[in-house]
Amino acid sequence: MKKILVFVLIFGLIGAFIIPLFFSDDTTDEIKFQFQFNENLLVTSGQSVTIPFEIINAVQSIDLLVNGERLKTWNNPKGIIKFKFDTKNRLLGSYSLELVAKLSDGAEFRDERLMIILSDIIPEKWDVKILNSYPHLETSFTQGLAFDLGKLYEGTGDPNQTGATKIAEIDLESGQMKRNLGLAAPYFGEGITIFGDDLYQLTWKNQKCLVYDKKTFASKKEFTYTGEGWGLCNDGKNLIMSDGSQRLYFRDPKTFQLIKTIEVYSDQGQINYLNELEYIEGLIYANIWMSNSIAVIDPLSGKIKAIINADELVSLQKQGLNGNVLNGIAYNSTNKKLYLTGKYWSKLFEVQISK
């Protein structure tokens, strides 16, 4: 009998240590908190949005961060918490939402989501009316188009790597190049703009912005940047650059240093593939690559104010050529005339916008 009692005591002591290992109340590996939504959080610019999350198991504190910025800390939080976030002074685009919880032993746990701020403007639908047409070289893979003091300039690309990249002054009536400067492969020219006495030319993947004297095309300097170069224009103060995404980059003309970035959104979502750019009376006009549309963008907010339908122009061009898409916007501020063309197009169109 004594042996049995000893065995029971020993077994009990062992069980007291072993059983808790399998049936522990330690919830370290359990979910202690979480956002109360699984998908991205969509919100319209200017509105307030409630960010809800739930404390499931005890934590010592929890922080809410937006793009790494700590908005609030709760100590010993419990239950469901709803935080009201005002988007009034926030730019359009995606923001990281992060909950960071700390336990009493110093351990940290995180839960992450995305919040996307959409435009509060429904874009207007504009059309183009053809007023006139002029010849355009079908050998020109148009990447940039710009007027300066009544003179038309064009920048071309080189999709076949044959040394076709050029900057040129164009005779409007004939479509011929009055003077030009070529770049050897592997340079692939992109957008151009004229700022003061300088002509700026982006390159696609060469990560260089080349600067020329606009009167002589003599090379003056070059800048480097990270990523791709697509479209380029200026607002009289800054260079404005696209890279094929939904982002526009404002740069210092003297140093090419980045000043600010905006993201371009409609009320439905981001507008990708922003290509050739033109700044026209306070708004940015942007070709949307591989489409017949031009986005009209507020440069302060990135909101799409209108979408221009250029189907009529595209229908007048030869179909089936490699890359012969709508691309090229030039505004002659001296006579208030607007011109559109495309890659390898045979015509340059003077158009009027119908709102």
Protein backbone atom coordinates (compact mmCIF):
# COMPACT_ATOMS: atom_id res chain seq x y z
CA MET A 1 0.00 0.00 0.00
CA LYS A 2 2.83 2.38 0.89
CA LYS A 3 4.45 1.65 -2.49
CA ILE A 4 1.22 2.58 -4.23
CA LEU A 5 0.95 5.86 -2.31
CA VAL A 6 4.58 6.74 -3.13
CA PHE A 7 3.94 6.00 -6.80
CA VAL A 8 0.84 8.19 -6.80
CA LEU A 9 2.71 11.05 -5.16
CA ILE A 10 5.60 10.81 -7.61
CA PHE A 11 3.21 10.61 -10.56
CA GLY A 12 1.30 13.61 -9.21
CA LEU A 13 4.42 15.71 -8.88
CA ILE A 14 5.56 14.82 -12.40
CA GLY A 15 2.10 15.56 -13.73
CA ALA A 16 2.08 18.92 -11.99
CA PHE A 17 5.07 19.94 -14.10
CA ILE A 18 4.35 18.16 -17.38
CA ILE A 19 0.60 18.65 -17.84
CA PRO A 20 0.79 22.49 -17.80
CA LEU A 21 3.21 22.26 -20.70
CA PHE A 22 0.40 20.82 -22.82
CA PHE A 23 -2.47 22.79 -21.32
CA SER A 24 -0.74 26.07 -20.61
CA ASP A 25 -2.58 29.38 -20.27
CA ASP A 26 0.37 31.05 -22.00
CA THR A 27 -1.07 32.69 -25.09
CA THR A 28 2.19 33.92 -26.54
CA ASP A 29 1.53 32.19 -29.87
CA GLU A 30 -2.15 33.09 -29.94
CA ILE A 31 -3.64 36.14 -31.63
CA LYS A 32 -3.66 38.91 -29.06
CA PHE A 33 -5.15 41.68 -31.22
CA GLN A 34 -6.14 42.37 -34.82
CA PHE A 35 -7.67 44.88 -37.17
CA GLN A 36 -11.38 44.25 -37.66
CA PHE A 37 -11.10 44.28 -41.46
CA ASN A 38 -9.21 41.91 -43.73
CA GLU A 39 -9.07 43.83 -47.01
CA ASN A 40 -7.52 47.22 -47.75
CA LEU A 41 -9.33 50.13 -46.16
CA LEU A 42 -10.68 52.49 -48.85
CA VAL A 43 -11.54 56.07 -47.98
CA THR A 44 -12.43 59.16 -49.99
CA SER A 45 -10.19 62.20 -49.68
CA GLY A 46 -11.41 64.72 -47.12
CA GLN A 47 -13.49 62.22 -45.19
CA SER A 48 -12.90 60.72 -41.76
CA VAL A 49 -12.63 56.97 -41.46
CA THR A 50 -12.96 54.71 -38.44
CA ILE A 51 -10.06 52.29 -37.95
CA PRO A 52 -11.37 49.46 -35.73
CA PHE A 53 -9.28 46.83 -33.97
CA GLU A 54 -9.89 44.30 -31.21
CA ILE A 55 -7.80 43.33 -28.19
CA ILE A 56 -8.31 39.58 -27.80
CA ASN A 57 -5.75 38.77 -25.12
CA ALA A 58 -4.05 40.99 -22.59
CA VAL A 59 -1.30 43.31 -23.81
CA GLN A 60 0.58 45.98 -21.92
CA SER A 61 0.26 48.64 -24.63
CA ILE A 62 -0.63 49.07 -28.27
CA ASP A 63 0.42 51.71 -30.81
CA LEU A 64 -1.33 52.68 -34.04
CA LEU A 65 1.04 53.85 -36.79
CA VAL A 66 0.32 55.31 -40.24
CA ASN A 67 3.31 55.20 -42.61
CA GLY A 68 5.48 54.77 -39.54
CA GLU A 69 4.01 57.82 -37.80
CA ARG A 70 2.66 56.99 -34.32
CA LEU A 71 -0.86 58.36 -34.01
CA LYS A 72 -1.80 57.10 -30.56
CA THR A 73 -0.76 54.75 -27.76
CA TRP A 74 -3.19 52.83 -25.53
CA ASN A 75 -2.04 51.36 -22.20
CA ASN A 76 -3.63 48.13 -20.98
CA PRO A 77 -6.27 48.28 -23.73
CA LYS A 78 -9.28 45.96 -23.72
CA GLY A 79 -12.06 44.99 -26.10
CA ILE A 80 -12.84 46.77 -29.36
CA ILE A 81 -11.23 50.13 -30.03
CA LYS A 82 -12.29 52.49 -32.82
CA PHE A 83 -9.93 55.25 -33.88
CA LYS A 84 -11.22 58.11 -36.04
CA PHE A 85 -8.73 59.14 -38.71
CA ASP A 86 -9.16 62.39 -40.68
CA THR A 87 -7.82 62.37 -44.26
CA LYS A 88 -8.33 66.11 -44.79
CA ASN A 89 -4.64 67.02 -44.87
CA ARG A 90 -3.40 63.79 -46.42
CA LEU A 91 -2.32 63.26 -50.02
CA LEU A 92 -3.92 60.64 -52.21
CA GLY A 93 -2.42 57.16 -52.27
CA SER A 94 -1.70 54.11 -50.17
CA TYR A 95 -0.71 54.27 -46.51
CA SER A 96 0.53 51.49 -44.26
CA LEU A 97 -1.55 50.87 -41.13
CA GLU A 98 0.25 49.06 -38.34
CA LEU A 99 -0.68 47.93 -34.85
CA VAL A 100 2.28 47.29 -32.56
CA ALA A 101 1.49 45.56 -29.26
CA LYS A 102 3.92 45.12 -26.37
CA LEU A 103 3.67 42.47 -23.65
CA SER A 104 4.88 42.80 -20.09
CA ASP A 105 7.94 40.70 -20.91
CA GLY A 106 8.95 43.12 -23.67
CA ALA A 107 7.82 40.96 -26.60
CA GLU A 108 6.25 42.80 -29.58
CA PHE A 109 3.56 41.69 -32.01
CA ARG A 110 2.32 43.42 -35.16
CA ASP A 111 -0.68 43.44 -37.46
CA GLU A 112 -0.60 45.34 -40.77
CA ARG A 113 -3.08 46.54 -43.39
CA LEU A 114 -3.22 49.17 -46.14
CA MET A 115 -5.39 52.27 -46.31
CA ILE A 116 -5.96 53.84 -49.73
CA ILE A 117 -7.14 57.44 -50.04
CA LEU A 118 -9.11 57.97 -53.26
CA SER A 119 -10.01 61.21 -55.00
CA ASP A 120 -13.29 62.86 -54.04
CA ILE A 121 -13.78 64.04 -57.63
CA ILE A 122 -15.61 62.08 -60.32
CA PRO A 123 -13.59 62.89 -63.49
CA GLU A 124 -15.38 64.78 -66.22
CA LYS A 125 -15.44 63.25 -69.70
CA TRP A 126 -13.92 65.45 -72.39
CA ASP A 127 -13.56 64.86 -76.14
CA VAL A 128 -11.30 66.26 -78.83
CA LYS A 129 -12.37 68.09 -81.96
CA ILE A 130 -9.90 68.12 -84.85
CA LEU A 131 -9.24 71.64 -86.11
CA ASN A 132 -6.32 70.92 -88.42
CA SER A 133 -3.71 68.28 -89.23
CA TYR A 134 -0.07 68.47 -90.23
CA PRO A 135 2.45 65.90 -91.50
CA HIS A 136 4.39 63.91 -88.92
CA LEU A 137 7.36 61.65 -89.61
CA GLU A 138 6.24 58.03 -89.47
CA THR A 139 9.79 57.08 -88.52
CA SER A 140 9.54 59.04 -85.27
CA PHE A 141 8.80 57.01 -82.15
CA THR A 142 7.45 60.06 -80.34
CA GLN A 143 8.36 60.23 -76.67
CA GLY A 144 8.23 63.96 -76.00
CA LEU A 145 6.63 66.98 -77.65
CA ALA A 146 6.90 70.62 -76.59
CA PHE A 147 6.56 74.20 -77.79
CA ASP A 148 8.82 77.04 -76.76
CA LEU A 149 8.35 80.59 -78.03
CA GLY A 150 6.30 79.27 -80.92
CA LYS A 151 8.87 76.63 -81.95
CA LEU A 152 7.99 72.93 -81.90
CA TYR A 153 10.42 70.38 -80.47
CA GLU A 154 10.21 66.58 -80.43
CA GLY A 155 12.09 63.82 -78.65
CA THR A 156 12.09 60.26 -80.00
CA GLY A 157 12.89 56.82 -78.65
CA ASP A 158 14.73 53.83 -80.02
CA PRO A 159 12.71 50.60 -79.59
CA ASN A 160 14.87 48.65 -82.06
CA GLN A 161 18.19 49.90 -80.65
CA THR A 162 19.34 51.31 -83.97
CA GLY A 163 20.37 54.74 -82.73
CA ALA A 164 17.01 56.35 -83.48
CA THR A 165 16.89 58.47 -80.33
CA LYS A 166 16.81 62.15 -81.27
CA ILE A 167 15.91 65.63 -80.16
CA ALA A 168 14.74 67.88 -82.96
CA GLU A 169 13.20 71.20 -83.86
CA ILE A 170 10.24 70.46 -86.12
CA ASP A 171 8.79 72.52 -88.94
CA LEU A 172 5.09 72.43 -88.17
CA GLU A 173 3.87 72.80 -91.78
CA SER A 174 6.04 70.06 -93.29
CA GLY A 175 6.68 67.83 -90.29
CA GLN A 176 10.37 67.70 -91.19
CA MET A 177 13.23 68.14 -88.77
CA LYS A 178 14.82 71.57 -89.13
CA ARG A 179 17.73 70.45 -86.97
CA ASN A 180 18.33 67.43 -84.81
CA LEU A 181 20.80 65.67 -82.57
CA GLY A 182 20.96 61.88 -82.31
CA LEU A 183 22.07 59.61 -79.52
CA ALA A 184 23.68 56.25 -80.16
CA ALA A 185 22.29 53.03 -78.70
CA PRO A 186 21.84 51.96 -75.97
CA TYR A 187 20.36 55.37 -75.13
CA PHE A 188 16.56 55.27 -75.35
CA GLY A 189 15.12 58.77 -75.35
CA GLU A 190 11.95 59.64 -73.48
CA GLY A 191 10.12 62.84 -72.51
CA ILE A 192 11.44 66.34 -73.18
CA THR A 193 10.71 69.80 -71.82
CA ILE A 194 12.21 73.26 -72.26
CA PHE A 195 12.99 75.33 -69.18
CA GLY A 196 14.62 78.69 -69.72
CA ASP A 197 17.48 78.22 -72.19
CA ASP A 198 17.73 74.48 -71.60
CA LEU A 199 16.14 71.46 -73.24
CA TYR A 200 15.85 68.48 -70.88
CA GLN A 201 15.60 64.91 -72.19
CA LEU A 202 14.85 61.85 -70.09
CA THR A 203 16.06 58.36 -70.92
CA TRP A 204 14.06 55.20 -70.31
CA LYS A 205 16.35 52.82 -68.44
CA ASN A 206 19.66 54.65 -68.76
CA GLN A 207 18.79 56.65 -65.60
CA LYS A 208 20.08 59.89 -67.08
CA CYS A 209 18.50 63.26 -67.78
CA LEU A 210 20.46 64.99 -70.53
CA VAL A 211 20.49 68.79 -70.71
CA TYR A 212 21.16 70.74 -73.91
CA ASP A 213 21.33 74.35 -75.00
CA LYS A 214 17.97 74.76 -76.74
CA LYS A 215 19.41 77.05 -79.44
CA THR A 216 22.39 74.92 -80.47
CA PHE A 217 21.62 71.46 -78.98
CA ALA A 218 25.10 71.57 -77.47
CA SER A 219 25.38 69.28 -74.46
CA LYS A 220 25.55 71.21 -71.19
CA LYS A 221 25.25 68.66 -68.38
CA GLU A 222 23.52 65.52 -67.25
CA PHE A 223 21.76 64.32 -64.12
CA THR A 224 21.24 60.81 -62.81
CA TYR A 225 18.16 59.34 -61.17
CA THR A 226 16.90 55.98 -59.96
CA GLY A 227 14.24 54.07 -61.89
CA GLU A 228 12.76 54.67 -65.31
CA GLY A 229 12.15 57.93 -67.13
CA TRP A 230 8.92 58.37 -69.14
CA GLY A 231 7.29 61.79 -69.46
CA LEU A 232 8.59 65.28 -68.64
CA CYS A 233 7.13 68.79 -68.44
CA ASN A 234 7.52 71.85 -66.24
CA ASP A 235 5.28 74.32 -64.42
CA GLY A 236 7.65 77.27 -64.75
CA LYS A 237 9.27 76.42 -61.44
CA ASN A 238 9.76 72.67 -61.23
CA LEU A 239 10.41 69.84 -63.65
CA ILE A 240 7.62 67.24 -63.47
CA MET A 241 8.51 63.66 -64.34
CA SER A 242 6.62 60.39 -64.77
CA ASP A 243 8.02 56.86 -64.57
CA GLY A 244 5.14 54.77 -65.92
CA SER A 245 3.50 54.36 -62.54
CA GLN A 246 0.78 56.44 -60.84
CA ARG A 247 3.40 58.80 -59.44
CA LEU A 248 4.59 62.21 -60.59
CA TYR A 249 7.91 63.58 -59.35
CA PHE A 250 8.64 67.29 -58.96
CA ARG A 251 12.34 68.09 -59.37
CA ASP A 252 14.60 71.11 -59.08
CA PRO A 253 15.73 72.18 -62.61
CA LYS A 254 19.15 73.23 -61.32
CA THR A 255 20.02 70.05 -59.43
CA PHE A 256 17.35 67.52 -60.44
CA GLN A 257 16.86 66.86 -56.73
CA LEU A 258 13.45 65.48 -55.79
CA ILE A 259 11.19 68.12 -54.23
CA LYS A 260 7.97 66.18 -53.80
CA THR A 261 5.97 63.25 -55.14
CA ILE A 262 2.24 63.02 -55.76
CA GLU A 263 0.14 59.98 -56.61
CA VAL A 264 -2.57 60.25 -59.25
CA TYR A 265 -6.00 58.88 -58.39
CA SER A 266 -9.58 59.06 -59.56
CA ASP A 267 -12.55 58.24 -57.35
CA GLN A 268 -12.12 54.59 -58.41
CA GLY A 269 -8.41 54.05 -57.89
CA GLN A 270 -4.89 54.85 -59.04
CA ILE A 271 -4.10 55.78 -62.64
CA ASN A 272 -1.06 53.83 -63.79
CA TYR A 273 1.11 54.14 -66.90
CA LEU A 274 1.34 57.93 -66.90
CA ASN A 275 3.49 58.72 -69.90
CA GLU A 276 4.13 61.91 -71.92
CA LEU A 277 3.28 65.08 -69.99
CA GLU A 278 2.32 68.67 -70.72
CA TYR A 279 1.58 71.50 -68.29
CA ILE A 280 -1.33 73.57 -69.59
CA GLU A 281 -2.75 76.54 -67.71
CA GLY A 282 -2.29 75.11 -64.24
CA LEU A 283 -3.07 71.47 -65.00
CA ILE A 284 -0.98 68.46 -66.02
CA TYR A 285 -2.08 66.57 -69.13
CA ALA A 286 -0.75 62.99 -69.25
CA ASN A 287 -0.97 60.33 -71.91
CA ILE A 288 -1.96 57.00 -70.40
CA TRP A 289 0.24 54.43 -72.13
CA MET A 290 -1.46 51.87 -74.36
CA SER A 291 -4.77 53.73 -74.17
CA ASN A 292 -6.60 56.37 -76.19
CA SER A 293 -7.03 58.53 -73.11
CA ILE A 294 -5.36 61.58 -71.63
CA ALA A 295 -5.64 62.30 -67.92
CA VAL A 296 -6.06 65.89 -66.74
CA ILE A 297 -4.46 66.15 -63.29
CA ASP A 298 -4.49 68.69 -60.48
CA PRO A 299 -0.74 69.17 -59.74
CA LEU A 300 -1.36 70.04 -56.10
CA SER A 301 -3.43 67.02 -55.12
CA GLY A 302 -2.99 64.41 -57.86
CA LYS A 303 -6.75 64.26 -58.38
CA ILE A 304 -8.00 63.45 -61.87
CA LYS A 305 -10.21 66.32 -63.00
CA ALA A 306 -11.05 64.90 -66.43
CA ILE A 307 -10.33 62.11 -68.90
CA ILE A 308 -9.97 63.11 -72.56
CA ASN A 309 -11.16 60.56 -75.11
CA ALA A 310 -8.96 60.60 -78.22
CA ASP A 311 -10.53 57.62 -80.03
CA GLU A 312 -11.18 59.70 -83.12
CA LEU A 313 -7.50 60.53 -83.58
CA VAL A 314 -6.39 56.94 -83.10
CA SER A 315 -8.95 55.71 -85.65
CA LEU A 316 -7.32 57.87 -88.33
CA GLN A 317 -3.91 56.17 -87.94
CA LYS A 318 -2.58 52.97 -89.43
CA GLN A 319 -3.21 50.06 -87.13
CA GLY A 320 -0.90 47.16 -86.36
CA LEU A 321 2.43 48.97 -86.28
CA ASN A 322 4.62 48.20 -83.29
CA GLY A 323 3.80 50.63 -80.50
CA ASN A 324 1.92 53.19 -82.63
CA VAL A 325 -0.05 54.46 -79.66
CA LEU A 326 -1.28 57.92 -78.76
CA ASN A 327 1.69 59.77 -77.23
CA GLY A 328 2.65 63.40 -77.58
CA ILE A 329 1.00 66.53 -76.19
CA ALA A 330 2.21 70.04 -77.02
CA TYR A 331 0.64 73.35 -76.06
CA ASN A 332 1.66 76.53 -77.85
CA SER A 333 1.12 79.19 -75.20
CA THR A 334 1.70 82.01 -77.70
CA ASN A 335 -1.51 81.23 -79.62
CA LYS A 336 -3.26 78.91 -77.12
CA LYS A 337 -3.28 75.97 -79.56
CA LEU A 338 -3.06 72.32 -78.52
CA TYR A 339 -1.49 69.54 -80.59
CA LEU A 340 -1.58 65.75 -80.24
CA THR A 341 0.20 62.92 -82.04
CA GLY A 342 1.47 59.38 -81.44
CA LYS A 343 4.38 57.02 -81.93
CA TYR A 344 5.03 56.48 -85.66
CA TRP A 345 1.93 58.52 -86.55
CA SER A 346 1.70 60.17 -89.96
CA LYS A 347 -0.22 63.17 -88.62
CA LEU A 348 0.07 65.80 -85.92
CA PHE A 349 -3.37 67.12 -84.99
CA GLU A 350 -4.37 70.55 -83.82
CA VAL A 351 -7.33 69.92 -81.55
CA GLN A 352 -9.87 71.66 -79.42
CA ILE A 353 -11.07 70.16 -76.16
CA SER A 354 -14.84 69.70 -75.91
CA LYS A 355 -15.94 69.71 -72.28
